[in-house]
Amino acid sequence: MLTSIFRLRYYKETLLDMVLRILTYFLTRFTLRLRSLFCWCPSSRQSLDDAERRVLSSMGKSYRGYYVDVGRISDSPPRSSRVWTVHLEPDEDEGAEALPLVLVHGYLCGVALWVLNMEALSRRRRVYAIDLLGFGKSSRPTLSSDAGTAEAQMAQALEAWRRQMGLEQFVLLGHSFGAFVASAYTLRHPQHVKHLILEDPWGFSESRVPDTAFHLLPWLVTAFTVGIKFFSRADICSVLRAGGILGPLFLGVVLSHETNMFRKIVRDETAVVSYFYHCNVRRPSGEASVKALMHRFPWVKHPMGTRLVALPPEVGLTFIYGAHSFMGRKPAFAIREARTQSYVEIHVLEDCGHNLHYEKPEEFCDVVNKACELVDGRLHQSAD
């Protein structure tokens, strides 16, 4: 009897998975087809270039933007991928000797969303902000659907970028999904990362659904499971693409709170919304890569929390969380407890959510700069 029940549940979940796969596949294909046939989405590469320029020109400091060839990352086109890079030089002469800082954005974001931070972070060191493959202005190859392989390909692209840039050692900062990629890279190439800074990192906690919930409200749990599985497979921005010409208007309403945070320096009220829109209505290869990593939304198949313990002790770690963020902080404390011979610092910024770098830019930059200066001080001491 028990065997029959488990078999029935298995077939039920398999059928549900199949239906969700079909729905999400056709939703994605439909929106992309509309876009290609009827110019459904008012977007282009030039539009993205213009939107990024409008945001970054708000800085009181010059920057350089260029593509870096990282070679072929997967079996899909293009034969050679390119990583879009924004580069700022230090204000002070001695900054040339300080370790450079590399910024890796979060999910559905890009380099321009560091606009509130890049000036402050580049006063005493070189700063490089990159668009990950599949996001922003970088190439959009189709990465593997296998979680381990996709993670390795992301780390491979970052290592190819490092070699092309000639950076021997640097401080690596990742936000959310970018923190997962930065961690994956550091695990594979720890000799190049002097310090790893993780801003509200995603993909660290293990999946957990309370067993008691299944006995309380079975119908609610079923609906929750369907929703989780749908968002795990759906391209989140399919809705944005399906909106066509109404997409930018819809996004302007949804992101009104976020855009207010940029108004301190970004005077063009439509620039941030325009940038986010043009970043995310293009080919969703980045979204597909994130889906490959996930077990259930928002959990991943290979959580990073238990893996970072294996980093060499000389690699320092700084965690920065928002007090009101939905990201769990337990993995960071577990890592600090396990790495007793290493530097592990945990900061929690008050009145702040998931996007600390633009919710509390001054406090965020202060924490990052202190971490970088600590590393610089250690380098000078070892040199002496």
Foldseek 3Di string as FASTA:
>chain_A
DVVVVVVVVVVVVVVLLVVLLVVQVCLQVVLVVCCVPPVLAVADLVLLVVLLCLLLVLDPFDKDKDWDWLADLDPFDDRIKIKIKIKDAAQDPQQDVFAEEEEEEAPLDADSVLNLAPNLLRNRYMYMYIYQAQWRNIHPGAFDLAQVRLLVSSLSSVVSRCVRVVQQAHAYEYAACGLVSVLSNCLVPVRRYQEYEYALYFQADADDDDPVVCVPDVVVVVVVQSVQSNVLNHQVCSVLSVCGPCSLVVLCVVCVVVLVLSCVRSVPSSSVSSNSSNRRNPDRSVSSSCSSQPPTVPHGPDGCLVVSLPRPQSYAYEYEAEPAEPRDDVSLVVSCVSSVSHHRYYHYDYPDYRCCCRVPVVVVSVVVNVVSVVSVVVVVVVVD
